[in-house]
N, C-alpha and C. Protein backbone atom coordinates (compact mmCIF):
# COMPACT_ATOMS: atom_id res chain seq x y z
N MET A 1 143.27 2.33 -98.73
CA MET A 1 141.94 2.65 -98.23
C MET A 1 141.64 1.89 -96.94
N LYS A 2 142.00 0.60 -96.93
CA LYS A 2 141.74 -0.23 -95.76
C LYS A 2 142.55 0.26 -94.55
N LYS A 3 143.80 0.67 -94.79
CA LYS A 3 144.65 1.19 -93.71
C LYS A 3 144.09 2.50 -93.16
N GLN A 4 143.56 3.34 -94.04
CA GLN A 4 142.98 4.62 -93.61
C GLN A 4 141.75 4.38 -92.74
N LEU A 5 140.93 3.41 -93.13
CA LEU A 5 139.74 3.09 -92.36
C LEU A 5 140.12 2.57 -90.97
N ILE A 6 141.12 1.72 -90.91
CA ILE A 6 141.58 1.20 -89.62
C ILE A 6 142.11 2.34 -88.76
N PHE A 7 142.87 3.26 -89.36
CA PHE A 7 143.40 4.41 -88.63
C PHE A 7 142.27 5.27 -88.08
N ILE A 8 141.25 5.51 -88.88
CA ILE A 8 140.12 6.33 -88.44
C ILE A 8 139.39 5.65 -87.28
N ILE A 9 139.18 4.36 -87.38
CA ILE A 9 138.50 3.61 -86.31
C ILE A 9 139.32 3.68 -85.03
N LEU A 10 140.63 3.47 -85.12
CA LEU A 10 141.49 3.55 -83.94
C LEU A 10 141.47 4.96 -83.34
N ALA A 11 141.49 5.97 -84.19
CA ALA A 11 141.45 7.36 -83.70
C ALA A 11 140.14 7.62 -82.96
N LEU A 12 139.04 7.13 -83.48
CA LEU A 12 137.74 7.30 -82.82
C LEU A 12 137.71 6.59 -81.47
N ILE A 13 138.32 5.42 -81.39
CA ILE A 13 138.38 4.69 -80.12
C ILE A 13 139.19 5.48 -79.10
N VAL A 14 140.33 6.02 -79.52
CA VAL A 14 141.17 6.82 -78.62
C VAL A 14 140.40 8.04 -78.12
N VAL A 15 139.70 8.73 -79.01
CA VAL A 15 138.92 9.90 -78.62
C VAL A 15 137.84 9.49 -77.62
N LYS A 16 137.18 8.38 -77.84
CA LYS A 16 136.13 7.91 -76.92
C LYS A 16 136.72 7.63 -75.55
N VAL A 17 137.88 6.99 -75.50
CA VAL A 17 138.52 6.69 -74.21
C VAL A 17 138.88 7.98 -73.50
N ILE A 18 139.43 8.94 -74.21
CA ILE A 18 139.80 10.22 -73.59
C ILE A 18 138.57 10.91 -73.05
N ILE A 19 137.50 10.94 -73.81
CA ILE A 19 136.26 11.56 -73.35
C ILE A 19 135.71 10.82 -72.14
N ASP A 20 135.76 9.50 -72.17
CA ASP A 20 135.21 8.69 -71.09
C ASP A 20 135.97 8.90 -69.78
N TRP A 21 137.27 9.21 -69.84
CA TRP A 21 138.09 9.34 -68.64
C TRP A 21 138.31 10.80 -68.25
N ASP A 22 137.51 11.69 -68.74
CA ASP A 22 137.68 13.11 -68.46
C ASP A 22 137.59 13.38 -66.95
N PRO A 23 138.68 13.80 -66.32
CA PRO A 23 138.65 14.06 -64.88
C PRO A 23 137.72 15.19 -64.49
N MET A 24 137.25 15.97 -65.45
CA MET A 24 136.29 17.01 -65.13
C MET A 24 134.93 16.40 -64.78
N ASP A 25 134.76 15.12 -65.08
CA ASP A 25 133.54 14.42 -64.74
C ASP A 25 133.59 13.83 -63.33
N ALA A 26 134.53 14.27 -62.55
CA ALA A 26 134.65 13.77 -61.18
C ALA A 26 133.39 14.13 -60.40
N VAL A 27 133.02 13.25 -59.49
CA VAL A 27 131.86 13.50 -58.64
C VAL A 27 132.25 14.55 -57.60
N VAL A 28 131.45 15.59 -57.52
CA VAL A 28 131.66 16.64 -56.52
C VAL A 28 130.51 16.53 -55.53
N GLY A 29 130.83 16.59 -54.24
CA GLY A 29 129.79 16.45 -53.23
C GLY A 29 129.59 15.00 -52.83
N GLU A 30 128.36 14.64 -52.58
CA GLU A 30 128.05 13.29 -52.11
C GLU A 30 128.44 12.23 -53.14
N TYR A 31 129.18 11.25 -52.69
CA TYR A 31 129.58 10.13 -53.54
C TYR A 31 128.72 8.94 -53.15
N PRO A 32 128.32 8.10 -54.11
CA PRO A 32 127.49 6.95 -53.74
C PRO A 32 128.20 6.08 -52.70
N VAL A 33 127.45 5.60 -51.72
CA VAL A 33 128.05 4.77 -50.68
C VAL A 33 127.78 3.29 -50.91
N ALA A 34 126.87 2.97 -51.80
CA ALA A 34 126.57 1.58 -52.11
C ALA A 34 126.58 1.42 -53.62
N GLY A 35 127.15 0.32 -54.06
CA GLY A 35 127.20 0.05 -55.49
C GLY A 35 128.02 -1.18 -55.77
N LYS A 36 128.60 -1.21 -56.94
CA LYS A 36 129.38 -2.37 -57.37
C LYS A 36 130.86 -2.02 -57.41
N ALA A 37 131.67 -3.06 -57.21
CA ALA A 37 133.13 -2.90 -57.27
C ALA A 37 133.71 -4.03 -58.11
N THR A 38 134.83 -3.74 -58.72
CA THR A 38 135.59 -4.75 -59.43
C THR A 38 137.07 -4.49 -59.16
N TRP A 39 137.93 -5.30 -59.73
CA TRP A 39 139.36 -5.09 -59.56
C TRP A 39 139.96 -4.69 -60.91
N TYR A 40 141.09 -4.01 -60.85
CA TYR A 40 141.75 -3.56 -62.06
C TYR A 40 143.25 -3.55 -61.85
N SER A 41 143.97 -3.52 -62.97
CA SER A 41 145.42 -3.43 -62.91
C SER A 41 145.88 -2.69 -64.17
N ASP A 42 146.24 -1.44 -64.01
CA ASP A 42 146.76 -0.63 -65.10
C ASP A 42 148.24 -0.37 -64.81
N PRO A 43 149.00 0.00 -65.83
CA PRO A 43 150.44 0.22 -65.58
C PRO A 43 150.75 1.44 -64.74
N ILE A 44 149.91 2.47 -64.81
CA ILE A 44 150.19 3.70 -64.08
C ILE A 44 148.87 4.33 -63.64
N THR A 45 148.89 5.02 -62.51
CA THR A 45 147.66 5.61 -61.97
C THR A 45 147.54 7.07 -62.37
N ALA A 46 146.39 7.65 -62.06
CA ALA A 46 146.15 9.06 -62.35
C ALA A 46 147.09 9.96 -61.54
N THR A 47 147.59 9.46 -60.41
CA THR A 47 148.51 10.24 -59.59
C THR A 47 149.96 10.09 -60.04
N GLY A 48 150.19 9.26 -61.06
CA GLY A 48 151.54 9.04 -61.57
C GLY A 48 152.27 7.89 -60.92
N GLU A 49 151.65 7.25 -59.94
CA GLU A 49 152.27 6.09 -59.30
C GLU A 49 152.22 4.89 -60.24
N HIS A 50 153.25 4.07 -60.15
CA HIS A 50 153.20 2.79 -60.85
C HIS A 50 152.27 1.89 -60.03
N VAL A 51 151.44 1.14 -60.71
CA VAL A 51 150.47 0.28 -60.02
C VAL A 51 151.20 -0.85 -59.33
N ASP A 52 150.84 -1.05 -58.07
CA ASP A 52 151.36 -2.17 -57.29
C ASP A 52 150.17 -3.07 -56.98
N ASP A 53 150.11 -4.21 -57.65
CA ASP A 53 148.98 -5.13 -57.46
C ASP A 53 148.89 -5.65 -56.04
N ASP A 54 149.97 -5.52 -55.27
CA ASP A 54 149.97 -5.99 -53.88
C ASP A 54 149.67 -4.88 -52.89
N ALA A 55 149.31 -3.71 -53.37
CA ALA A 55 148.96 -2.59 -52.48
C ALA A 55 147.45 -2.57 -52.29
N LEU A 56 147.01 -1.97 -51.20
CA LEU A 56 145.58 -1.81 -50.93
C LEU A 56 145.15 -0.43 -51.40
N THR A 57 144.83 -0.33 -52.70
CA THR A 57 144.50 0.95 -53.31
C THR A 57 143.19 0.84 -54.08
N CYS A 58 142.69 2.02 -54.50
CA CYS A 58 141.43 2.03 -55.24
C CYS A 58 141.38 3.19 -56.22
N ALA A 59 140.40 3.12 -57.11
CA ALA A 59 140.10 4.20 -58.05
C ALA A 59 138.66 4.63 -57.82
N LEU A 60 138.47 5.94 -57.69
CA LEU A 60 137.15 6.54 -57.52
C LEU A 60 137.00 7.68 -58.51
N ARG A 61 135.79 8.06 -58.81
CA ARG A 61 135.56 9.21 -59.69
C ARG A 61 135.54 10.48 -58.85
N LYS A 62 136.58 10.65 -58.06
CA LYS A 62 136.79 11.84 -57.24
C LYS A 62 138.23 12.26 -57.43
N LYS A 63 138.55 13.47 -57.00
CA LYS A 63 139.92 13.95 -57.12
C LYS A 63 140.57 14.15 -55.76
N ASP A 64 140.13 13.38 -54.77
CA ASP A 64 140.68 13.52 -53.42
C ASP A 64 141.74 12.45 -53.15
N TYR A 65 142.70 12.35 -54.05
CA TYR A 65 143.74 11.33 -53.94
C TYR A 65 144.43 11.40 -52.58
N GLY A 66 144.76 10.22 -52.07
CA GLY A 66 145.45 10.12 -50.79
C GLY A 66 144.52 9.82 -49.63
N LYS A 67 143.22 10.03 -49.80
CA LYS A 67 142.28 9.73 -48.72
C LYS A 67 142.09 8.22 -48.61
N TYR A 68 141.62 7.81 -47.45
CA TYR A 68 141.40 6.39 -47.18
C TYR A 68 139.91 6.08 -47.11
N TYR A 69 139.57 4.89 -47.59
CA TYR A 69 138.18 4.44 -47.61
C TYR A 69 138.09 3.02 -47.07
N GLN A 70 137.01 2.76 -46.36
CA GLN A 70 136.71 1.39 -45.95
C GLN A 70 135.69 0.85 -46.95
N VAL A 71 136.00 -0.29 -47.52
CA VAL A 71 135.12 -0.93 -48.49
C VAL A 71 134.69 -2.26 -47.90
N CYS A 72 133.38 -2.47 -47.80
CA CYS A 72 132.85 -3.71 -47.23
C CYS A 72 131.98 -4.42 -48.26
N SER A 73 132.15 -5.72 -48.34
CA SER A 73 131.31 -6.53 -49.22
C SER A 73 129.91 -6.60 -48.64
N ALA A 74 128.91 -6.30 -49.44
CA ALA A 74 127.52 -6.41 -48.99
C ALA A 74 127.08 -7.87 -48.95
N ASP A 75 127.86 -8.75 -49.59
CA ASP A 75 127.48 -10.15 -49.66
C ASP A 75 128.00 -10.97 -48.48
N ASN A 76 129.23 -10.67 -48.00
CA ASN A 76 129.80 -11.50 -46.93
C ASN A 76 130.26 -10.69 -45.71
N GLY A 77 130.15 -9.38 -45.74
CA GLY A 77 130.50 -8.54 -44.59
C GLY A 77 131.99 -8.28 -44.41
N LYS A 78 132.85 -8.84 -45.25
CA LYS A 78 134.29 -8.60 -45.14
C LYS A 78 134.59 -7.17 -45.54
N CYS A 79 135.61 -6.58 -44.88
CA CYS A 79 135.97 -5.19 -45.16
C CYS A 79 137.47 -5.06 -45.41
N VAL A 80 137.83 -4.01 -46.13
CA VAL A 80 139.23 -3.71 -46.39
C VAL A 80 139.39 -2.19 -46.40
N MET A 81 140.55 -1.71 -45.96
CA MET A 81 140.88 -0.29 -45.97
C MET A 81 141.77 -0.04 -47.19
N VAL A 82 141.41 0.95 -48.01
CA VAL A 82 142.17 1.23 -49.23
C VAL A 82 142.52 2.71 -49.31
N ARG A 83 143.61 3.00 -50.02
CA ARG A 83 144.03 4.38 -50.27
C ARG A 83 143.66 4.74 -51.70
N HIS A 84 143.06 5.92 -51.86
CA HIS A 84 142.63 6.39 -53.18
C HIS A 84 143.82 6.96 -53.93
N ASN A 85 144.17 6.33 -55.07
CA ASN A 85 145.31 6.83 -55.85
C ASN A 85 145.07 6.84 -57.35
N ASP A 86 143.82 6.61 -57.77
CA ASP A 86 143.56 6.57 -59.21
C ASP A 86 142.15 7.07 -59.50
N PHE A 87 141.92 7.41 -60.78
CA PHE A 87 140.62 7.91 -61.21
C PHE A 87 139.89 6.83 -61.98
N GLY A 88 138.67 6.53 -61.59
CA GLY A 88 137.85 5.52 -62.26
C GLY A 88 136.66 5.23 -61.39
N PRO A 89 135.82 4.35 -61.74
CA PRO A 89 135.71 3.57 -62.96
C PRO A 89 135.30 4.44 -64.16
N ARG A 90 135.34 3.85 -65.33
CA ARG A 90 134.94 4.58 -66.53
C ARG A 90 133.55 5.17 -66.36
N LYS A 91 133.32 6.30 -67.01
CA LYS A 91 132.05 7.01 -66.84
C LYS A 91 130.84 6.12 -67.14
N ARG A 92 130.91 5.38 -68.21
CA ARG A 92 129.79 4.51 -68.60
C ARG A 92 129.50 3.48 -67.50
N LEU A 93 130.56 2.89 -66.96
CA LEU A 93 130.39 1.88 -65.91
C LEU A 93 129.89 2.52 -64.62
N PHE A 94 130.39 3.73 -64.32
CA PHE A 94 129.93 4.44 -63.13
C PHE A 94 128.43 4.71 -63.22
N MET A 95 127.99 5.12 -64.39
CA MET A 95 126.57 5.39 -64.59
C MET A 95 125.73 4.11 -64.45
N GLN A 96 126.36 2.96 -64.61
CA GLN A 96 125.67 1.68 -64.47
C GLN A 96 125.77 1.13 -63.04
N GLY A 97 126.37 1.89 -62.12
CA GLY A 97 126.40 1.49 -60.72
C GLY A 97 127.73 1.03 -60.16
N ARG A 98 128.77 1.01 -60.98
CA ARG A 98 130.09 0.63 -60.44
C ARG A 98 130.72 1.86 -59.83
N ILE A 99 130.92 1.87 -58.52
CA ILE A 99 131.37 3.07 -57.84
C ILE A 99 132.85 3.06 -57.48
N ILE A 100 133.50 1.88 -57.55
CA ILE A 100 134.89 1.80 -57.13
C ILE A 100 135.58 0.65 -57.86
N ASP A 101 136.85 0.87 -58.19
CA ASP A 101 137.72 -0.18 -58.70
C ASP A 101 138.79 -0.41 -57.65
N LEU A 102 139.06 -1.66 -57.35
CA LEU A 102 140.03 -2.02 -56.31
C LEU A 102 141.26 -2.68 -56.91
N SER A 103 142.39 -2.52 -56.24
CA SER A 103 143.58 -3.25 -56.64
C SER A 103 143.29 -4.74 -56.44
N PRO A 104 144.01 -5.62 -57.15
CA PRO A 104 143.77 -7.05 -56.97
C PRO A 104 143.86 -7.51 -55.51
N LYS A 105 144.86 -7.01 -54.78
CA LYS A 105 145.01 -7.42 -53.38
C LYS A 105 143.80 -6.99 -52.54
N ALA A 106 143.33 -5.76 -52.75
CA ALA A 106 142.17 -5.27 -52.00
C ALA A 106 140.93 -6.09 -52.34
N PHE A 107 140.74 -6.39 -53.62
CA PHE A 107 139.58 -7.18 -54.03
C PHE A 107 139.63 -8.57 -53.40
N LEU A 108 140.84 -9.16 -53.35
CA LEU A 108 140.99 -10.49 -52.76
C LEU A 108 140.63 -10.53 -51.28
N GLU A 109 140.72 -9.39 -50.60
CA GLU A 109 140.32 -9.33 -49.20
C GLU A 109 138.80 -9.50 -49.07
N LEU A 110 138.07 -9.22 -50.16
CA LEU A 110 136.61 -9.26 -50.12
C LEU A 110 136.03 -10.46 -50.85
N ALA A 111 136.67 -10.88 -51.94
CA ALA A 111 136.14 -11.98 -52.75
C ALA A 111 137.25 -12.51 -53.66
N ASP A 112 136.97 -13.63 -54.30
CA ASP A 112 137.90 -14.21 -55.27
C ASP A 112 137.89 -13.36 -56.53
N LEU A 113 139.06 -13.20 -57.15
CA LEU A 113 139.15 -12.39 -58.36
C LEU A 113 138.21 -12.90 -59.46
N LYS A 114 137.97 -14.21 -59.49
CA LYS A 114 137.09 -14.79 -60.51
C LYS A 114 135.65 -14.29 -60.37
N THR A 115 135.30 -13.79 -59.19
CA THR A 115 133.95 -13.25 -58.97
C THR A 115 133.70 -12.07 -59.89
N GLY A 116 134.73 -11.27 -60.12
CA GLY A 116 134.63 -10.16 -61.06
C GLY A 116 134.02 -8.90 -60.51
N ILE A 117 132.74 -8.93 -60.18
CA ILE A 117 132.03 -7.76 -59.67
C ILE A 117 131.30 -8.14 -58.40
N ILE A 118 131.40 -7.29 -57.38
CA ILE A 118 130.72 -7.55 -56.12
C ILE A 118 129.96 -6.30 -55.67
N ASN A 119 128.99 -6.50 -54.81
CA ASN A 119 128.24 -5.40 -54.20
C ASN A 119 128.99 -4.92 -52.97
N VAL A 120 129.16 -3.61 -52.85
CA VAL A 120 129.95 -3.06 -51.74
C VAL A 120 129.28 -1.84 -51.12
N MET A 121 129.75 -1.54 -49.93
CA MET A 121 129.44 -0.30 -49.23
C MET A 121 130.78 0.40 -49.04
N VAL A 122 130.84 1.71 -49.29
CA VAL A 122 132.09 2.47 -49.19
C VAL A 122 131.88 3.63 -48.24
N ARG A 123 132.86 3.84 -47.36
CA ARG A 123 132.80 5.02 -46.50
C ARG A 123 134.21 5.58 -46.33
N GLU A 124 134.26 6.92 -46.31
CA GLU A 124 135.55 7.59 -46.13
C GLU A 124 135.99 7.46 -44.69
N VAL A 125 137.29 7.23 -44.51
CA VAL A 125 137.89 7.19 -43.18
C VAL A 125 138.56 8.54 -42.99
N LYS A 126 138.22 9.23 -41.91
CA LYS A 126 138.63 10.62 -41.74
C LYS A 126 140.11 10.83 -41.44
N SER A 127 140.81 9.80 -40.98
CA SER A 127 142.23 9.97 -40.70
C SER A 127 143.02 8.82 -41.33
N ASP A 128 144.30 9.00 -41.46
CA ASP A 128 145.18 7.99 -42.04
C ASP A 128 145.24 6.80 -41.08
N PRO A 129 144.75 5.63 -41.50
CA PRO A 129 144.72 4.48 -40.60
C PRO A 129 146.10 3.89 -40.33
N THR A 130 147.14 4.33 -41.07
CA THR A 130 148.47 3.80 -40.85
C THR A 130 149.21 4.57 -39.74
N VAL A 131 148.62 5.67 -39.27
CA VAL A 131 149.25 6.49 -38.24
C VAL A 131 148.64 6.14 -36.89
N ASN A 132 149.50 5.88 -35.91
CA ASN A 132 149.03 5.57 -34.57
C ASN A 132 148.74 6.90 -33.85
N THR A 133 147.45 7.19 -33.66
CA THR A 133 147.08 8.48 -33.06
C THR A 133 147.10 8.44 -31.54
N LEU A 134 147.39 7.28 -30.95
CA LEU A 134 147.40 7.17 -29.50
C LEU A 134 148.77 7.51 -28.92
N GLY A 135 149.76 7.71 -29.78
CA GLY A 135 151.09 8.07 -29.30
C GLY A 135 151.83 6.93 -28.65
N GLU A 136 151.43 5.71 -28.95
CA GLU A 136 152.09 4.55 -28.34
C GLU A 136 153.19 4.03 -29.21
């Protein structure tokens, strides 16, 4: 009986996680430009990439993977350029104002990891910042 109860509880937790990460809940249209950010490290991203904690990447509740975003700390003015390669933050956290999750390296560009959550401004960069468009 005890094992069955544990199994049922675990099954309910799995269902809740699946519901919470439903990509159909992606934001369509205007995405919040100001909110909270934190850092994360999962083994694999929504795009199938293995997570590289030393990469400048992010998770947004959008499905425009591959686009670049500038994220600036509202507290100290520091900015970092990140590539969108994952889906997040969790729906519950997004509803509470967390608009972006950053890789550890990207978060470190803005604040110490121990800070946990910071206030940020996010804006899409229209072209790939790694490409030299001047032809030099």
